[in-house]
């Protein structure tokens, strides 16, 4: 199982690098959501490589893991800030990173610490992102402009961006809220079969998520060419 985890881990990293290339090549076509998705993919690569290197050098990468979770929450919040139209919800999205950063600080300094996975703050981030995703899906289904112009939502890049993010966080949500407990339960082998199995599933879903983000980019290219 541990070998399968590493195969899936490096496969996901490879897919992230491959998908980054067309995003770079089409940088001039980006709208605001695409720009933040691009930064999200870059942060995912930094997340993966940094975790690997820090884990190898210091045998504990949880502080980096926790910090990058916060960074990605901010980036994803900016994705939804540029997609969601409701002004009240947009204000909430602007405010939420401050709230989550405070929870993160309390979690890492007081509750769970630097050397453990911060399940409390990670769980809250996942819940908030899933709520954003549901709100955006609902907005697209009820968007009068799309309905009047007979535009299918699956032709919109933001639909695929949201699908990729939503799918990934649906999968990692339960893991995020329980990983710290699992680390304690499976001591002294925190990378045992159960945890490796869960991480492997997360990696495969991460690959699918990245492919959905790429589909979103392909839809953006079609829209740009149609407008030109």
C-alpha atoms as a PDB file:
ATOM      1  CA  UNK A   1       0.000   0.000   0.000  1.00  0.00           C
ATOM      2  CA  UNK A   2       2.868   2.368   0.769  1.00  0.00           C
ATOM      3  CA  UNK A   3       4.265   1.855  -2.758  1.00  0.00           C
ATOM      4  CA  UNK A   4       0.861   2.617  -4.253  1.00  0.00           C
ATOM      5  CA  UNK A   5       0.750   5.814  -2.202  1.00  0.00           C
ATOM      6  CA  UNK A   6       4.094   6.991  -3.573  1.00  0.00           C
ATOM      7  CA  UNK A   7       3.134   6.041  -7.130  1.00  0.00           C
ATOM      8  CA  UNK A   8      -0.102   8.028  -6.828  1.00  0.00           C
ATOM      9  CA  UNK A   9       1.714  10.907  -5.103  1.00  0.00           C
ATOM     10  CA  UNK A  10       4.291  11.340  -7.855  1.00  0.00           C
ATOM     11  CA  UNK A  11       1.641  10.739 -10.536  1.00  0.00           C
ATOM     12  CA  UNK A  12      -0.401  13.600  -9.100  1.00  0.00           C
ATOM     13  CA  UNK A  13       2.682  15.826  -8.971  1.00  0.00           C
ATOM     14  CA  UNK A  14       3.447  14.958 -12.591  1.00  0.00           C
ATOM     15  CA  UNK A  15      -0.131  15.749 -13.675  1.00  0.00           C
ATOM     16  CA  UNK A  16       0.060  19.098 -11.862  1.00  0.00           C
ATOM     17  CA  UNK A  17       3.268  19.967 -13.711  1.00  0.00           C
ATOM     18  CA  UNK A  18       1.823  18.868 -17.059  1.00  0.00           C
ATOM     19  CA  UNK A  19      -1.379  20.857 -16.576  1.00  0.00           C
ATOM     20  CA  UNK A  20       0.607  23.910 -15.526  1.00  0.00           C
ATOM     21  CA  UNK A  21       2.195  24.069 -19.015  1.00  0.00           C
ATOM     22  CA  UNK A  22      -1.009  24.848 -20.997  1.00  0.00           C
ATOM     23  CA  UNK A  23      -2.018  27.333 -18.300  1.00  0.00           C
ATOM     24  CA  UNK A  24       1.295  29.158 -18.766  1.00  0.00           C
ATOM     25  CA  UNK A  25       0.998  29.044 -22.567  1.00  0.00           C
ATOM     26  CA  UNK A  26      -2.501  30.534 -22.425  1.00  0.00           C
ATOM     27  CA  UNK A  27      -1.797  33.083 -19.705  1.00  0.00           C
ATOM     28  CA  UNK A  28      -2.918  36.021 -21.885  1.00  0.00           C
ATOM     29  CA  UNK A  29      -6.396  34.513 -22.246  1.00  0.00           C
ATOM     30  CA  UNK A  30      -7.066  34.383 -18.498  1.00  0.00           C
ATOM     31  CA  UNK A  31     -10.091  35.915 -16.884  1.00  0.00           C
ATOM     32  CA  UNK A  32      -9.954  36.550 -13.132  1.00  0.00           C
ATOM     33  CA  UNK A  33     -11.074  33.042 -11.991  1.00  0.00           C
ATOM     34  CA  UNK A  34      -8.564  31.419 -14.384  1.00  0.00           C
ATOM     35  CA  UNK A  35      -5.759  33.544 -12.948  1.00  0.00           C
ATOM     36  CA  UNK A  36      -6.485  32.373  -9.413  1.00  0.00           C
ATOM     37  CA  UNK A  37      -6.843  28.763 -10.590  1.00  0.00           C
ATOM     38  CA  UNK A  38      -3.392  29.125 -12.143  1.00  0.00           C
ATOM     39  CA  UNK A  39      -2.016  30.297  -8.775  1.00  0.00           C
ATOM     40  CA  UNK A  40      -3.823  27.400  -7.091  1.00  0.00           C
ATOM     41  CA  UNK A  41      -2.062  24.885  -9.366  1.00  0.00           C
ATOM     42  CA  UNK A  42       1.305  26.578  -8.697  1.00  0.00           C
ATOM     43  CA  UNK A  43       0.627  26.441  -4.945  1.00  0.00           C
ATOM     44  CA  UNK A  44      -0.279  22.731  -5.243  1.00  0.00           C
ATOM     45  CA  UNK A  45       3.118  22.025  -6.823  1.00  0.00           C
ATOM     46  CA  UNK A  46       4.904  24.064  -4.136  1.00  0.00           C
ATOM     47  CA  UNK A  47       2.812  22.200  -1.543  1.00  0.00           C
ATOM     48  CA  UNK A  48       3.795  18.772  -2.891  1.00  0.00           C
ATOM     49  CA  UNK A  49       7.486  19.480  -3.493  1.00  0.00           C
ATOM     50  CA  UNK A  50       7.933  21.458  -0.275  1.00  0.00           C
ATOM     51  CA  UNK A  51       6.233  18.774   1.841  1.00  0.00           C
ATOM     52  CA  UNK A  52       8.443  16.108   0.292  1.00  0.00           C
ATOM     53  CA  UNK A  53      11.691  18.025   0.800  1.00  0.00           C
ATOM     54  CA  UNK A  54      10.895  19.229   4.329  1.00  0.00           C
ATOM     55  CA  UNK A  55       9.684  15.776   5.351  1.00  0.00           C
ATOM     56  CA  UNK A  56      12.917  14.232   4.042  1.00  0.00           C
ATOM     57  CA  UNK A  57      15.194  16.793   5.719  1.00  0.00           C
ATOM     58  CA  UNK A  58      13.429  17.243   9.057  1.00  0.00           C
ATOM     59  CA  UNK A  59      11.220  14.103   9.305  1.00  0.00           C
ATOM     60  CA  UNK A  60       8.195  16.276  10.069  1.00  0.00           C
ATOM     61  CA  UNK A  61       6.459  18.528   7.559  1.00  0.00           C
ATOM     62  CA  UNK A  62       3.209  19.189   9.397  1.00  0.00           C
ATOM     63  CA  UNK A  63       3.884  22.892  10.002  1.00  0.00           C
ATOM     64  CA  UNK A  64       4.439  23.402   6.272  1.00  0.00           C
ATOM     65  CA  UNK A  65       1.375  21.275   5.480  1.00  0.00           C
ATOM     66  CA  UNK A  66      -0.760  23.419   7.779  1.00  0.00           C
ATOM     67  CA  UNK A  67       0.615  26.695   6.420  1.00  0.00           C
ATOM     68  CA  UNK A  68       0.065  25.698   2.772  1.00  0.00           C
ATOM     69  CA  UNK A  69      -3.502  24.645   3.599  1.00  0.00           C
ATOM     70  CA  UNK A  70      -4.082  28.235   4.746  1.00  0.00           C
ATOM     71  CA  UNK A  71      -2.441  29.674   1.610  1.00  0.00           C
ATOM     72  CA  UNK A  72      -4.608  27.519  -0.630  1.00  0.00           C
ATOM     73  CA  UNK A  73      -7.729  28.516   1.286  1.00  0.00           C
ATOM     74  CA  UNK A  74      -6.967  32.179   0.568  1.00  0.00           C
ATOM     75  CA  UNK A  75      -6.371  31.454  -3.137  1.00  0.00           C
ATOM     76  CA  UNK A  76      -9.583  29.412  -3.458  1.00  0.00           C
ATOM     77  CA  UNK A  77     -11.495  32.173  -1.657  1.00  0.00           C
ATOM     78  CA  UNK A  78     -10.264  34.583  -4.342  1.00  0.00           C
ATOM     79  CA  UNK A  79     -11.463  32.168  -7.038  1.00  0.00           C
ATOM     80  CA  UNK A  80     -14.975  32.282  -5.593  1.00  0.00           C
ATOM     81  CA  UNK A  81     -14.779  36.013  -4.917  1.00  0.00           C
ATOM     82  CA  UNK A  82     -14.316  36.501  -8.664  1.00  0.00           C
ATOM     83  CA  UNK A  83     -17.150  34.059  -9.556  1.00  0.00           C
ATOM     84  CA  UNK A  84     -19.944  34.697  -7.065  1.00  0.00           C
ATOM     85  CA  UNK A  85     -22.144  37.701  -7.817  1.00  0.00           C
ATOM     86  CA  UNK A  86     -24.088  38.214  -4.578  1.00  0.00           C
ATOM     87  CA  UNK A  87     -22.624  41.271  -2.831  1.00  0.00           C
ATOM     88  CA  UNK A  88     -23.345  40.031   0.700  1.00  0.00           C
ATOM     89  CA  UNK A  89     -21.659  36.682   0.036  1.00  0.00           C
ATOM     90  CA  UNK A  90     -18.708  38.481  -1.584  1.00  0.00           C
ATOM     91  CA  UNK A  91     -18.236  40.468   1.643  1.00  0.00           C
ATOM     92  CA  UNK A  92     -18.358  37.241   3.654  1.00  0.00           C
ATOM     93  CA  UNK A  93     -15.736  35.692   1.351  1.00  0.00           C
ATOM     94  CA  UNK A  94     -13.477  38.730   1.877  1.00  0.00           C
ATOM     95  CA  UNK A  95     -13.886  38.417   5.641  1.00  0.00           C
ATOM     96  CA  UNK A  96     -13.505  34.626   5.969  1.00  0.00           C
ATOM     97  CA  UNK A  97      -9.699  34.403   5.427  1.00  0.00           C
ATOM     98  CA  UNK A  98      -9.241  36.630   8.488  1.00  0.00           C
ATOM     99  CA  UNK A  99     -11.477  34.361  10.588  1.00  0.00           C
ATOM    100  CA  UNK A 100      -9.770  31.213   9.300  1.00  0.00           C
ATOM    101  CA  UNK A 101      -6.306  32.736   9.887  1.00  0.00           C
ATOM    102  CA  UNK A 102      -7.265  33.423  13.526  1.00  0.00           C
ATOM    103  CA  UNK A 103      -8.488  29.841  13.948  1.00  0.00           C
ATOM    104  CA  UNK A 104      -5.311  28.605  12.261  1.00  0.00           C
ATOM    105  CA  UNK A 105      -3.144  30.633  14.668  1.00  0.00           C
ATOM    106  CA  UNK A 106      -5.046  29.329  17.689  1.00  0.00           C
ATOM    107  CA  UNK A 107      -4.853  25.776  16.387  1.00  0.00           C
ATOM    108  CA  UNK A 108      -1.146  25.746  15.556  1.00  0.00           C
ATOM    109  CA  UNK A 109       0.059  27.712  18.604  1.00  0.00           C
ATOM    110  CA  UNK A 110      -2.336  26.517  21.325  1.00  0.00           C
ATOM    111  CA  UNK A 111      -4.472  23.483  20.482  1.00  0.00           C
ATOM    112  CA  UNK A 112      -2.803  20.967  18.145  1.00  0.00           C
ATOM    113  CA  UNK A 113       0.666  22.431  17.661  1.00  0.00           C
ATOM    114  CA  UNK A 114       3.333  22.740  14.955  1.00  0.00           C
ATOM    115  CA  UNK A 115       4.199  19.056  14.694  1.00  0.00           C
ATOM    116  CA  UNK A 116       0.694  17.667  14.235  1.00  0.00           C
ATOM    117  CA  UNK A 117      -1.830  18.026  11.466  1.00  0.00           C
ATOM    118  CA  UNK A 118      -4.196  20.877  12.397  1.00  0.00           C
ATOM    119  CA  UNK A 119      -7.463  19.034  11.848  1.00  0.00           C
ATOM    120  CA  UNK A 120      -9.634  21.756  13.405  1.00  0.00           C
ATOM    121  CA  UNK A 121      -8.545  24.573  11.108  1.00  0.00           C
ATOM    122  CA  UNK A 122      -8.284  22.238   8.077  1.00  0.00           C
ATOM    123  CA  UNK A 123     -11.815  20.971   8.701  1.00  0.00           C
ATOM    124  CA  UNK A 124     -13.204  24.507   8.932  1.00  0.00           C
ATOM    125  CA  UNK A 125     -11.430  25.477   5.682  1.00  0.00           C
ATOM    126  CA  UNK A 126     -12.904  22.445   3.918  1.00  0.00           C
ATOM    127  CA  UNK A 127     -16.444  23.181   5.138  1.00  0.00           C
ATOM    128  CA  UNK A 128     -16.226  26.819   4.030  1.00  0.00           C
ATOM    129  CA  UNK A 129     -14.906  25.855   0.574  1.00  0.00           C
ATOM    130  CA  UNK A 130     -17.682  23.279   0.121  1.00  0.00           C
ATOM    131  CA  UNK A 131     -20.262  25.934   1.050  1.00  0.00           C
ATOM    132  CA  UNK A 132     -18.729  28.289  -1.523  1.00  0.00           C
ATOM    133  CA  UNK A 133     -18.981  25.510  -4.110  1.00  0.00           C
ATOM    134  CA  UNK A 134     -22.660  24.821  -3.384  1.00  0.00           C
ATOM    135  CA  UNK A 135     -23.477  28.549  -3.518  1.00  0.00           C
ATOM    136  CA  UNK A 136     -21.750  28.885  -6.879  1.00  0.00           C
ATOM    137  CA  UNK A 137     -23.475  25.816  -8.335  1.00  0.00           C
ATOM    138  CA  UNK A 138     -26.798  27.257  -7.208  1.00  0.00           C
ATOM    139  CA  UNK A 139     -25.938  30.630  -8.754  1.00  0.00           C
ATOM    140  CA  UNK A 140     -25.152  29.015 -12.115  1.00  0.00           C
ATOM    141  CA  UNK A 141     -28.354  26.981 -12.118  1.00  0.00           C
ATOM    142  CA  UNK A 142     -30.402  30.136 -11.487  1.00  0.00           C
ATOM    143  CA  UNK A 143     -28.414  32.649 -13.529  1.00  0.00           C
ATOM    144  CA  UNK A 144     -31.025  34.530 -15.620  1.00  0.00           C
ATOM    145  CA  UNK A 145     -28.408  35.757 -18.087  1.00  0.00           C
ATOM    146  CA  UNK A 146     -27.300  32.193 -18.870  1.00  0.00           C
ATOM    147  CA  UNK A 147     -30.915  31.018 -19.116  1.00  0.00           C
ATOM    148  CA  UNK A 148     -31.961  33.883 -21.434  1.00  0.00           C
ATOM    149  CA  UNK A 149     -28.987  33.294 -23.739  1.00  0.00           C
ATOM    150  CA  UNK A 150     -29.490  29.498 -23.625  1.00  0.00           C
ATOM    151  CA  UNK A 151     -25.918  28.995 -22.415  1.00  0.00           C
ATOM    152  CA  UNK A 152     -25.236  25.574 -20.917  1.00  0.00           C
ATOM    153  CA  UNK A 153     -23.321  25.804 -17.659  1.00  0.00           C
ATOM    154  CA  UNK A 154     -20.905  23.072 -18.736  1.00  0.00           C
ATOM    155  CA  UNK A 155     -19.588  25.406 -21.452  1.00  0.00           C
ATOM    156  CA  UNK A 156     -18.399  27.847 -18.782  1.00  0.00           C
ATOM    157  CA  UNK A 157     -14.797  27.547 -17.494  1.00  0.00           C
ATOM    158  CA  UNK A 158     -15.867  28.442 -13.952  1.00  0.00           C
ATOM    159  CA  UNK A 159     -18.223  25.433 -13.867  1.00  0.00           C
ATOM    160  CA  UNK A 160     -15.256  23.081 -14.369  1.00  0.00           C
ATOM    161  CA  UNK A 161     -13.024  25.017 -11.980  1.00  0.00           C
ATOM    162  CA  UNK A 162     -15.699  24.747  -9.312  1.00  0.00           C
ATOM    163  CA  UNK A 163     -16.233  21.048 -10.087  1.00  0.00           C
ATOM    164  CA  UNK A 164     -12.524  20.300  -9.643  1.00  0.00           C
ATOM    165  CA  UNK A 165     -12.272  22.152  -6.347  1.00  0.00           C
ATOM    166  CA  UNK A 166     -15.575  20.788  -5.026  1.00  0.00           C
ATOM    167  CA  UNK A 167     -14.746  17.169  -5.893  1.00  0.00           C
ATOM    168  CA  UNK A 168     -11.358  17.360  -4.197  1.00  0.00           C
ATOM    169  CA  UNK A 169     -12.629  18.918  -0.985  1.00  0.00           C
ATOM    170  CA  UNK A 170     -15.587  16.520  -0.793  1.00  0.00           C
ATOM    171  CA  UNK A 171     -13.011  13.730  -0.706  1.00  0.00           C
ATOM    172  CA  UNK A 172     -10.508  15.249   1.724  1.00  0.00           C
ATOM    173  CA  UNK A 173     -13.057  16.729   4.137  1.00  0.00           C
ATOM    174  CA  UNK A 174     -13.389  13.695   6.433  1.00  0.00           C
ATOM    175  CA  UNK A 175      -9.631  13.142   6.245  1.00  0.00           C
ATOM    176  CA  UNK A 176      -8.975  16.767   7.212  1.00  0.00           C
ATOM    177  CA  UNK A 177     -11.098  16.573  10.350  1.00  0.00           C
ATOM    178  CA  UNK A 178      -9.687  13.212  11.462  1.00  0.00           C
ATOM    179  CA  UNK A 179      -6.028  13.068  10.385  1.00  0.00           C
ATOM    180  CA  UNK A 180      -4.651  14.361  13.688  1.00  0.00           C
ATOM    181  CA  UNK A 181      -6.592  11.640  15.535  1.00  0.00           C
ATOM    182  CA  UNK A 182      -5.388   9.015  13.058  1.00  0.00           C
ATOM    183  CA  UNK A 183      -1.795  10.095  13.623  1.00  0.00           C
ATOM    184  CA  UNK A 184      -2.219   9.483  17.348  1.00  0.00           C
ATOM    185  CA  UNK A 185      -4.102   6.186  16.954  1.00  0.00           C
ATOM    186  CA  UNK A 186      -1.578   4.651  14.573  1.00  0.00           C
ATOM    187  CA  UNK A 187       1.562   5.626  16.465  1.00  0.00           C
ATOM    188  CA  UNK A 188       4.444   4.797  16.085  1.00  0.00           C
ATOM    189  CA  UNK A 189       3.572   4.103  12.443  1.00  0.00           C
ATOM    190  CA  UNK A 190       1.769   7.265  11.259  1.00  0.00           C
ATOM    191  CA  UNK A 191       2.099   6.129   7.634  1.00  0.00           C
ATOM    192  CA  UNK A 192       0.443   2.753   8.196  1.00  0.00           C
ATOM    193  CA  UNK A 193      -1.839   0.918   5.780  1.00  0.00           C
ATOM    194  CA  UNK A 194      -5.001   2.786   6.772  1.00  0.00           C
ATOM    195  CA  UNK A 195      -3.528   6.277   6.425  1.00  0.00           C
ATOM    196  CA  UNK A 196      -1.595   5.358   3.281  1.00  0.00           C
ATOM    197  CA  UNK A 197      -4.814   4.008   1.779  1.00  0.00           C
ATOM    198  CA  UNK A 198      -6.705   7.227   2.544  1.00  0.00           C
ATOM    199  CA  UNK A 199      -3.868   9.384   1.178  1.00  0.00           C
ATOM    200  CA  UNK A 200      -3.729   7.266  -1.974  1.00  0.00           C
ATOM    201  CA  UNK A 201      -7.437   7.852  -2.599  1.00  0.00           C
ATOM    202  CA  UNK A 202      -6.897  11.586  -2.035  1.00  0.00           C
ATOM    203  CA  UNK A 203      -4.064  11.560  -4.576  1.00  0.00           C
ATOM    204  CA  UNK A 204      -6.165   9.846  -7.245  1.00  0.00           C
ATOM    205  CA  UNK A 205      -9.020  12.296  -6.654  1.00  0.00           C
ATOM    206  CA  UNK A 206      -6.450  15.103  -6.836  1.00  0.00           C
ATOM    207  CA  UNK A 207      -5.474  13.868 -10.306  1.00  0.00           C
ATOM    208  CA  UNK A 208      -9.125  13.896 -11.438  1.00  0.00           C
ATOM    209  CA  UNK A 209      -9.519  17.366  -9.919  1.00  0.00           C
ATOM    210  CA  UNK A 210      -6.564  18.688 -11.924  1.00  0.00           C
ATOM    211  CA  UNK A 211      -8.009  17.214 -15.123  1.00  0.00           C
ATOM    212  CA  UNK A 212     -11.283  19.056 -14.445  1.00  0.00           C
ATOM    213  CA  UNK A 213      -9.314  22.297 -14.041  1.00  0.00           C
ATOM    214  CA  UNK A 214      -7.691  21.641 -17.412  1.00  0.00           C
ATOM    215  CA  UNK A 215     -11.125  21.105 -18.992  1.00  0.00           C
ATOM    216  CA  UNK A 216     -12.060  24.521 -17.594  1.00  0.00           C
ATOM    217  CA  UNK A 217      -9.044  26.035 -19.363  1.00  0.00           C
ATOM    218  CA  UNK A 218     -10.070  24.358 -22.641  1.00  0.00           C
ATOM    219  CA  UNK A 219     -13.549  25.900 -22.301  1.00  0.00           C
ATOM    220  CA  UNK A 220     -11.949  29.309 -21.743  1.00  0.00           C
ATOM    221  CA  UNK A 221      -9.928  28.926 -24.959  1.00  0.00           C
ATOM    222  CA  UNK A 222     -13.100  28.091 -26.917  1.00  0.00           C
ATOM    223  CA  UNK A 223     -14.902  31.133 -25.506  1.00  0.00           C
ATOM    224  CA  UNK A 224     -11.992  33.436 -26.343  1.00  0.00           C
ATOM    225  CA  UNK A 225     -11.722  32.108 -29.902  1.00  0.00           C
ATOM    226  CA  UNK A 226     -15.505  32.439 -30.351  1.00  0.00           C
ATOM    227  CA  UNK A 227     -15.328  36.090 -29.267  1.00  0.00           C
ATOM    228  CA  UNK A 228     -12.410  36.917 -31.563  1.00  0.00           C
END
